[in-house]
């Protein structure tokens, strides 16, 4: 009976090990901080652009700074469930 118990414990350990390391994955690795960056004109009411990277938002502001006075707003993504 001792061999059967040891085999069962080993199988349970292997199954739990497999489930732990091969479980569900989410898309949190795509945007670790779960924020988006909106580029909004100071006189506007809606964003002109949306970026996942602040650097891209800064590039956009620099590109159009001759024609607009933009601000970058950091916000939690609207589809985030946390």
C-alpha atoms as a PDB file:
ATOM      1  CA  UNK A   1       0.000   0.000   0.000  1.00  0.00           C
ATOM      2  CA  UNK A   2       2.955   2.334   0.607  1.00  0.00           C
ATOM      3  CA  UNK A   3       4.080   2.164  -3.028  1.00  0.00           C
ATOM      4  CA  UNK A   4       0.608   3.059  -4.285  1.00  0.00           C
ATOM      5  CA  UNK A   5       0.364   6.072  -1.961  1.00  0.00           C
ATOM      6  CA  UNK A   6       3.793   7.321  -3.043  1.00  0.00           C
ATOM      7  CA  UNK A   7       2.840   6.937  -6.697  1.00  0.00           C
ATOM      8  CA  UNK A   8      -0.425   8.820  -6.131  1.00  0.00           C
ATOM      9  CA  UNK A   9       1.335  11.657  -4.310  1.00  0.00           C
ATOM     10  CA  UNK A  10       3.895  11.861  -7.110  1.00  0.00           C
ATOM     11  CA  UNK A  11       1.129  12.035  -9.751  1.00  0.00           C
ATOM     12  CA  UNK A  12      -0.778  14.700  -7.824  1.00  0.00           C
ATOM     13  CA  UNK A  13       2.427  16.725  -7.483  1.00  0.00           C
ATOM     14  CA  UNK A  14       3.166  16.432 -11.219  1.00  0.00           C
ATOM     15  CA  UNK A  15      -0.389  17.414 -12.181  1.00  0.00           C
ATOM     16  CA  UNK A  16      -0.393  20.439  -9.875  1.00  0.00           C
ATOM     17  CA  UNK A  17       3.086  21.420 -11.127  1.00  0.00           C
ATOM     18  CA  UNK A  18       1.847  21.221 -14.732  1.00  0.00           C
ATOM     19  CA  UNK A  19      -1.299  23.252 -14.013  1.00  0.00           C
ATOM     20  CA  UNK A  20       0.659  25.901 -12.129  1.00  0.00           C
ATOM     21  CA  UNK A  21       3.186  26.515 -14.905  1.00  0.00           C
ATOM     22  CA  UNK A  22       0.900  25.973 -17.886  1.00  0.00           C
ATOM     23  CA  UNK A  23      -2.205  27.786 -16.653  1.00  0.00           C
ATOM     24  CA  UNK A  24      -4.055  30.665 -18.211  1.00  0.00           C
ATOM     25  CA  UNK A  25      -2.132  33.650 -19.452  1.00  0.00           C
ATOM     26  CA  UNK A  26      -3.351  37.187 -19.868  1.00  0.00           C
ATOM     27  CA  UNK A  27      -2.325  40.111 -22.052  1.00  0.00           C
ATOM     28  CA  UNK A  28      -0.812  42.057 -19.166  1.00  0.00           C
ATOM     29  CA  UNK A  29       2.630  41.518 -20.628  1.00  0.00           C
ATOM     30  CA  UNK A  30       1.734  43.651 -23.644  1.00  0.00           C
ATOM     31  CA  UNK A  31       1.252  46.741 -21.505  1.00  0.00           C
ATOM     32  CA  UNK A  32       2.602  46.074 -18.013  1.00  0.00           C
ATOM     33  CA  UNK A  33       1.165  49.171 -16.380  1.00  0.00           C
ATOM     34  CA  UNK A  34      -2.281  48.853 -18.056  1.00  0.00           C
ATOM     35  CA  UNK A  35      -2.355  52.529 -18.924  1.00  0.00           C
ATOM     36  CA  UNK A  36      -2.967  54.361 -22.164  1.00  0.00           C
ATOM     37  CA  UNK A  37      -1.759  57.795 -23.129  1.00  0.00           C
ATOM     38  CA  UNK A  38      -4.252  60.155 -24.736  1.00  0.00           C
ATOM     39  CA  UNK A  39      -3.091  63.173 -26.721  1.00  0.00           C
ATOM     40  CA  UNK A  40      -5.653  65.952 -26.270  1.00  0.00           C
ATOM     41  CA  UNK A  41      -5.679  69.505 -27.576  1.00  0.00           C
ATOM     42  CA  UNK A  42      -5.988  71.999 -24.694  1.00  0.00           C
ATOM     43  CA  UNK A  43      -9.123  73.442 -26.319  1.00  0.00           C
ATOM     44  CA  UNK A  44     -10.585  70.060 -27.280  1.00  0.00           C
ATOM     45  CA  UNK A  45     -12.975  67.749 -25.507  1.00  0.00           C
ATOM     46  CA  UNK A  46     -11.953  64.423 -27.057  1.00  0.00           C
ATOM     47  CA  UNK A  47      -8.533  62.865 -27.604  1.00  0.00           C
ATOM     48  CA  UNK A  48      -6.909  63.183 -31.007  1.00  0.00           C
ATOM     49  CA  UNK A  49      -4.798  60.058 -30.518  1.00  0.00           C
ATOM     50  CA  UNK A  50      -4.317  57.126 -28.162  1.00  0.00           C
ATOM     51  CA  UNK A  51      -1.011  55.353 -27.471  1.00  0.00           C
ATOM     52  CA  UNK A  52       0.201  52.504 -25.297  1.00  0.00           C
ATOM     53  CA  UNK A  53       3.681  54.012 -25.035  1.00  0.00           C
ATOM     54  CA  UNK A  54       4.447  57.480 -23.670  1.00  0.00           C
ATOM     55  CA  UNK A  55       7.343  57.854 -26.106  1.00  0.00           C
ATOM     56  CA  UNK A  56       4.989  57.449 -29.068  1.00  0.00           C
ATOM     57  CA  UNK A  57       2.670  60.064 -27.573  1.00  0.00           C
ATOM     58  CA  UNK A  58       5.583  62.497 -27.172  1.00  0.00           C
ATOM     59  CA  UNK A  59       6.600  61.929 -30.793  1.00  0.00           C
ATOM     60  CA  UNK A  60       3.042  62.712 -31.914  1.00  0.00           C
ATOM     61  CA  UNK A  61       2.994  65.934 -29.870  1.00  0.00           C
ATOM     62  CA  UNK A  62       6.343  66.999 -31.320  1.00  0.00           C
ATOM     63  CA  UNK A  63       5.192  66.248 -34.856  1.00  0.00           C
ATOM     64  CA  UNK A  64       2.088  68.470 -34.625  1.00  0.00           C
ATOM     65  CA  UNK A  65       3.208  71.111 -32.107  1.00  0.00           C
ATOM     66  CA  UNK A  66       3.257  73.778 -34.837  1.00  0.00           C
ATOM     67  CA  UNK A  67      -0.511  73.434 -35.351  1.00  0.00           C
ATOM     68  CA  UNK A  68      -1.831  72.354 -31.916  1.00  0.00           C
ATOM     69  CA  UNK A  69      -1.185  72.784 -28.226  1.00  0.00           C
ATOM     70  CA  UNK A  70      -1.366  69.199 -27.040  1.00  0.00           C
ATOM     71  CA  UNK A  71      -1.244  67.641 -23.606  1.00  0.00           C
ATOM     72  CA  UNK A  72      -0.628  63.991 -22.798  1.00  0.00           C
ATOM     73  CA  UNK A  73      -3.057  62.430 -20.357  1.00  0.00           C
ATOM     74  CA  UNK A  74      -2.252  59.116 -18.707  1.00  0.00           C
ATOM     75  CA  UNK A  75      -5.349  57.050 -17.922  1.00  0.00           C
ATOM     76  CA  UNK A  76      -6.251  53.527 -16.999  1.00  0.00           C
ATOM     77  CA  UNK A  77      -7.519  51.655 -20.039  1.00  0.00           C
ATOM     78  CA  UNK A  78     -11.317  51.566 -20.204  1.00  0.00           C
ATOM     79  CA  UNK A  79     -11.399  47.778 -20.693  1.00  0.00           C
ATOM     80  CA  UNK A  80      -9.277  47.090 -17.609  1.00  0.00           C
ATOM     81  CA  UNK A  81     -11.286  45.053 -15.129  1.00  0.00           C
ATOM     82  CA  UNK A  82      -9.101  45.875 -12.087  1.00  0.00           C
END
